[in-house]
C-alpha cells in the first residue's frame, strides 16, 4: 500500500465542539499548509517489552513548552521517514512539520513493526487483517506519548493522526485510550467491521478524510486492500462517523 496516494476531497468530516476546535482546525490545515519548514526531526529509539521501537521526534523551537503532542502514524508497508517525506518523495504529512513549529506541538512520528507479510505496520482493531503485526501497539504508543512529554512535567493533550493502517491505529487509540486523546484525524481509514477491540465507551473528537473513489478502502465499507493482498474489512465512512456521533452527541460536518 503506497503511503502517498491521492485521496479525493469528497469526504472531509469534522466533529468539533469545545476542545475539538483546536484539533479540527489543525487536521484540516494540513490541506492548505505550505511546504514544511526546515526543522530537524531527530531519530530516537527505546526498548519496549522484547522489542526496540523507533520514532522521529520534533521539539518545537522557543522556550515556551509545547501546547500538545501530535502523534503521526504511517500506513502498511510505510515508515516514519516515508510518511514525513524522503528526499525526492514529498508527502502531505510532511507539512505537519511546519504546523508543529507554528502551533508549538511536540511531534512524534512512530514506526510500526513487520507483520507476517514483512510489511511494517500497526496492530489496529481489525481482527481479520491477518498481516498486522502481533504486538500491543496501543500500549507502546501510549507509553511513547508519556515518555516524550515527561520533560514538560504534566500530561499534554494528544492529537493522533494516521494514514491507512496508521489511521486505523489512531482509531484504536481512540477506543482504548480515550483519556489520553483530545482528538483523532484518520486519513483513508475507518472503523473495523470485524473488531478484536471492545466497542468504544467514551467519546473522542474524530476527523475522517476518505475518498469516494478509493479502491483500497471502499467509502461504502467492505474488503480492504486487494484480492492479492487482503487487509481485512472495515465499516463505511458514514457508519464509522456515526459511532462517534452517538458517543459525543455532536452532528457531523461534511
Protein backbone atom coordinates (compact mmCIF):
# COMPACT_ATOMS: atom_id res chain seq x y z
CA UNK A 1 0.00 0.00 0.00
CA UNK A 2 1.62 3.25 -1.13
CA UNK A 3 1.97 5.87 1.61
CA UNK A 4 1.13 8.76 -0.71
CA UNK A 5 -1.98 8.13 -2.86
CA UNK A 6 -4.24 10.99 -3.75
CA UNK A 7 -7.37 11.00 -1.58
CA UNK A 8 -10.23 12.87 -3.31
CA UNK A 9 -11.59 15.59 -1.00
CA UNK A 10 -15.13 14.17 -1.16
CA UNK A 11 -15.46 13.08 2.44
CA UNK A 12 -13.83 15.53 4.78
CA UNK A 13 -15.83 15.41 8.00
CA UNK A 14 -15.28 17.14 11.33
CA UNK A 15 -16.98 16.57 14.59
CA UNK A 16 -15.97 19.63 16.56
CA UNK A 17 -17.27 21.11 19.76
CA UNK A 18 -15.49 22.67 22.71
CA UNK A 19 -11.94 21.31 22.94
CA UNK A 20 -12.29 19.81 19.45
CA UNK A 21 -11.92 23.23 17.83
CA UNK A 22 -8.11 23.11 18.02
CA UNK A 23 -7.98 19.51 16.75
CA UNK A 24 -10.30 20.10 13.83
CA UNK A 25 -8.55 23.26 12.67
CA UNK A 26 -5.16 21.56 12.86
CA UNK A 27 -6.35 18.49 10.95
CA UNK A 28 -7.90 20.47 8.13
CA UNK A 29 -5.00 22.93 7.98
CA UNK A 30 -2.95 20.02 6.61
CA UNK A 31 -4.81 20.52 3.34
CA UNK A 32 -3.77 24.17 2.98
CA UNK A 33 -0.29 24.22 4.56
CA UNK A 34 2.71 25.49 2.64
CA UNK A 35 5.85 23.28 2.30
CA UNK A 36 7.38 22.22 5.61
CA UNK A 37 9.83 24.42 7.42
CA UNK A 38 13.43 23.22 7.51
CA UNK A 39 13.41 21.85 11.03
CA UNK A 40 15.22 18.71 12.17
CA UNK A 41 13.41 15.51 13.03
CA UNK A 42 15.51 13.52 15.49
CA UNK A 43 15.60 9.72 15.22
CA UNK A 44 15.05 8.03 18.57
CA UNK A 45 14.61 4.52 19.92
CA UNK A 46 13.69 2.81 23.17
CA UNK A 47 13.16 -0.69 24.45
CA UNK A 48 9.53 -1.69 24.94
CA UNK A 49 8.92 -5.26 26.05
CA UNK A 50 11.02 -7.53 23.84
CA UNK A 51 11.35 -5.02 21.02
CA UNK A 52 13.36 -1.90 20.28
CA UNK A 53 10.86 0.65 18.97
CA UNK A 54 11.83 3.65 16.87
CA UNK A 55 10.33 7.05 16.12
CA UNK A 56 11.14 10.51 14.81
CA UNK A 57 10.69 13.47 17.16
CA UNK A 58 10.41 17.21 16.61
CA UNK A 59 10.52 19.59 19.58
CA UNK A 60 9.05 22.99 18.74
CA UNK A 61 11.52 25.90 18.85
CA UNK A 62 11.50 28.52 21.56
CA UNK A 63 11.38 28.49 25.33
CA UNK A 64 7.63 28.00 25.73
CA UNK A 65 6.51 24.42 26.49
CA UNK A 66 4.56 22.52 23.82
CA UNK A 67 0.80 23.05 23.71
CA UNK A 68 0.05 19.44 22.79
CA UNK A 69 1.50 16.20 21.42
CA UNK A 70 0.90 15.35 17.77
CA UNK A 71 1.29 11.62 17.07
CA UNK A 72 1.60 10.60 13.40
CA UNK A 73 1.27 7.00 12.13
CA UNK A 74 2.24 5.62 8.71
CA UNK A 75 0.38 3.11 6.57
CA UNK A 76 1.03 -0.59 6.00
CA UNK A 77 4.41 -1.02 4.32
CA UNK A 78 5.46 2.53 5.18
CA UNK A 79 7.76 4.11 7.73
CA UNK A 80 8.05 7.23 9.83
CA UNK A 81 10.64 8.66 7.44
CA UNK A 82 8.49 7.87 4.42
CA UNK A 83 5.42 9.45 5.98
CA UNK A 84 7.28 12.72 6.51
CA UNK A 85 8.78 12.76 3.02
CA UNK A 86 12.06 11.19 1.98
CA UNK A 87 14.34 13.01 -0.50
CA UNK A 88 12.54 13.26 -3.81
CA UNK A 89 9.31 11.85 -2.32
CA UNK A 90 7.41 14.68 -0.62
CA UNK A 91 4.17 13.84 1.15
CA UNK A 92 1.27 15.85 2.52
CA UNK A 93 2.07 14.61 6.03
CA UNK A 94 5.45 16.31 5.79
CA UNK A 95 3.58 19.60 6.06
CA UNK A 96 2.77 18.77 9.68
CA UNK A 97 6.34 19.78 10.48
CA UNK A 98 5.56 23.40 9.68
CA UNK A 99 2.28 23.19 11.57
CA UNK A 100 4.04 21.73 14.61
CA UNK A 101 6.55 24.59 14.61
CA UNK A 102 3.85 27.22 14.16
CA UNK A 103 1.39 25.77 16.69
CA UNK A 104 4.06 24.67 19.22
CA UNK A 105 3.35 20.95 19.04
CA UNK A 106 5.61 18.13 20.19
CA UNK A 107 5.65 15.94 17.06
CA UNK A 108 6.11 12.15 17.36
CA UNK A 109 6.23 10.08 14.16
CA UNK A 110 6.19 6.42 15.16
CA UNK A 111 7.49 3.40 13.25
CA UNK A 112 5.42 0.24 13.16
CA UNK A 113 6.85 -3.29 13.18
CA UNK A 114 6.84 -6.01 10.48
CA UNK A 115 3.78 -8.24 10.23
CA UNK A 116 3.53 -11.71 8.68
CA UNK A 117 3.86 -10.26 5.16
CA UNK A 118 7.08 -8.47 6.10
CA UNK A 119 5.42 -5.07 5.76
CA UNK A 120 5.91 -2.65 8.61
CA UNK A 121 2.66 -1.52 10.21
CA UNK A 122 0.50 -1.33 13.33
CA UNK A 123 -1.81 -3.77 15.08
CA UNK A 124 -5.11 -1.94 14.63
CA UNK A 125 -8.51 -3.30 15.69
CA UNK A 126 -9.26 -5.27 12.50
CA UNK A 127 -9.44 -8.87 13.67
CA UNK A 128 -9.42 -10.09 10.06
CA UNK A 129 -6.34 -8.11 8.94
CA UNK A 130 -4.14 -11.17 9.32
CA UNK A 131 -0.91 -9.49 8.18
CA UNK A 132 -0.98 -6.95 11.02
CA UNK A 133 1.94 -7.34 13.44
CA UNK A 134 1.20 -9.28 16.63
CA UNK A 135 2.28 -6.59 19.11
CA UNK A 136 0.49 -4.31 21.58
CA UNK A 137 0.86 -1.03 19.70
CA UNK A 138 -1.75 0.66 21.87
CA UNK A 139 0.42 0.17 24.94
CA UNK A 140 3.57 1.18 23.06
CA UNK A 141 2.12 4.41 21.65
CA UNK A 142 0.60 5.35 24.99
CA UNK A 143 3.96 4.90 26.69
CA UNK A 144 5.72 6.82 23.91
CA UNK A 145 3.49 9.83 24.48
CA UNK A 146 4.14 9.68 28.23
CA UNK A 147 7.90 9.32 27.72
CA UNK A 148 8.19 12.19 25.27
CA UNK A 149 6.02 14.60 27.26
CA UNK A 150 7.61 13.80 30.65
CA UNK A 151 10.09 16.73 30.48
CA UNK A 152 7.14 19.14 30.33
CA UNK A 153 6.15 17.99 33.81
CA UNK A 154 2.47 17.47 33.12
CA UNK A 155 0.27 15.44 30.75
CA UNK A 156 -0.24 17.17 27.42
CA UNK A 157 -3.33 16.96 25.19
CA UNK A 158 -2.72 14.38 22.47
CA UNK A 159 -3.73 14.62 18.82
CA UNK A 160 -3.31 11.40 16.80
CA UNK A 161 -3.36 11.27 13.02
CA UNK A 162 -2.55 8.45 10.63
CA UNK A 163 -2.84 7.30 7.04
CA UNK A 164 -4.48 3.97 6.10
CA UNK A 165 -3.24 1.35 8.62
CA UNK A 166 -1.95 4.25 10.71
CA UNK A 167 -5.39 5.84 10.59
CA UNK A 168 -7.00 2.58 11.72
CA UNK A 169 -4.45 2.51 14.56
CA UNK A 170 -5.31 6.08 15.55
CA UNK A 171 -8.94 4.97 15.81
CA UNK A 172 -7.83 2.07 18.02
CA UNK A 173 -6.20 4.59 20.34
CA UNK A 174 -9.48 6.49 20.43
CA UNK A 175 -11.24 3.29 21.52
CA UNK A 176 -8.70 2.08 24.07
CA UNK A 177 -7.01 5.27 25.33
CA UNK A 178 -9.67 8.00 25.20
CA UNK A 179 -8.38 9.51 28.43
CA UNK A 180 -5.14 10.47 26.63
CA UNK A 181 -6.63 11.81 23.41
CA UNK A 182 -8.01 15.22 22.57
CA UNK A 183 -8.86 14.14 19.03
CA UNK A 184 -8.08 11.78 16.15
CA UNK A 185 -7.70 12.62 12.44
CA UNK A 186 -7.75 9.44 10.33
CA UNK A 187 -6.96 9.58 6.60
CA UNK A 188 -8.15 6.71 4.35
CA UNK A 189 -9.27 4.71 7.40
CA UNK A 190 -12.49 3.60 9.07
CA UNK A 191 -13.80 1.59 11.99
CA UNK A 192 -13.29 -2.20 11.77
CA UNK A 193 -16.11 -4.43 10.52
CA UNK A 194 -14.74 -7.41 12.47
CA UNK A 195 -13.20 -5.87 15.53
CA UNK A 196 -10.94 -7.53 18.05
CA UNK A 197 -11.35 -4.46 20.29
CA UNK A 198 -14.17 -3.73 22.69
CA UNK A 199 -16.78 -1.24 21.49
CA UNK A 200 -15.84 2.36 22.32
CA UNK A 201 -17.47 3.58 25.51
CA UNK A 202 -16.23 7.17 25.69
CA UNK A 203 -16.45 9.91 23.11
CA UNK A 204 -13.39 11.26 21.32
CA UNK A 205 -13.47 14.03 18.73
CA UNK A 206 -12.90 12.44 15.31
CA UNK A 207 -12.00 13.75 11.85
CA UNK A 208 -12.24 11.31 8.93
CA UNK A 209 -10.84 12.13 5.48
CA UNK A 210 -11.89 9.43 3.00
CA UNK A 211 -12.22 9.29 -0.78
CA UNK A 212 -15.33 8.04 -2.57
CA UNK A 213 -13.14 6.60 -5.36
CA UNK A 214 -10.66 4.85 -3.06
CA UNK A 215 -10.42 1.23 -4.26
CA UNK A 216 -8.20 0.17 -1.34
CA UNK A 217 -10.55 1.37 1.41
CA UNK A 218 -14.07 1.49 -0.12
CA UNK A 219 -16.03 4.51 1.06
CA UNK A 220 -19.10 2.27 1.42
CA UNK A 221 -17.17 -0.25 3.52
CA UNK A 222 -16.21 -3.86 2.89
CA UNK A 223 -12.97 -5.57 1.95
CA UNK A 224 -9.80 -3.52 2.42
CA UNK A 225 -6.72 -3.99 0.23
CA UNK A 226 -6.90 -6.15 -2.88
CA UNK A 227 -7.61 -9.74 -3.86
CA UNK A 228 -3.87 -10.49 -3.89
CA UNK A 229 -3.17 -8.60 -0.65
CA UNK A 230 -6.31 -8.62 1.54
CA UNK A 231 -6.24 -6.39 4.60
CA UNK A 232 -9.44 -7.29 6.44
CA UNK A 233 -12.73 -5.41 6.37
CA UNK A 234 -13.99 -2.02 7.52
CA UNK A 235 -17.26 -0.20 8.06
CA UNK A 236 -18.29 2.59 5.69
CA UNK A 237 -17.14 6.13 6.33
CA UNK A 238 -20.67 7.15 7.34
CA UNK A 239 -21.07 4.20 9.72
CA UNK A 240 -17.71 4.99 11.27
CA UNK A 241 -18.66 8.60 11.82
CA UNK A 242 -22.00 7.52 13.26
CA UNK A 243 -20.31 5.56 16.04
CA UNK A 244 -18.52 8.66 17.31
CA UNK A 245 -21.54 10.91 16.74
CA UNK A 246 -23.53 8.78 19.16
CA UNK A 247 -20.80 8.94 21.79
CA UNK A 248 -20.03 12.66 21.67
CA UNK A 249 -23.51 13.89 20.79
CA UNK A 250 -22.41 16.25 18.02
CA UNK A 251 -23.59 16.47 14.39
CA UNK A 252 -21.28 15.57 11.51
CA UNK A 253 -19.95 18.44 9.38
CA UNK A 254 -19.19 17.27 5.84
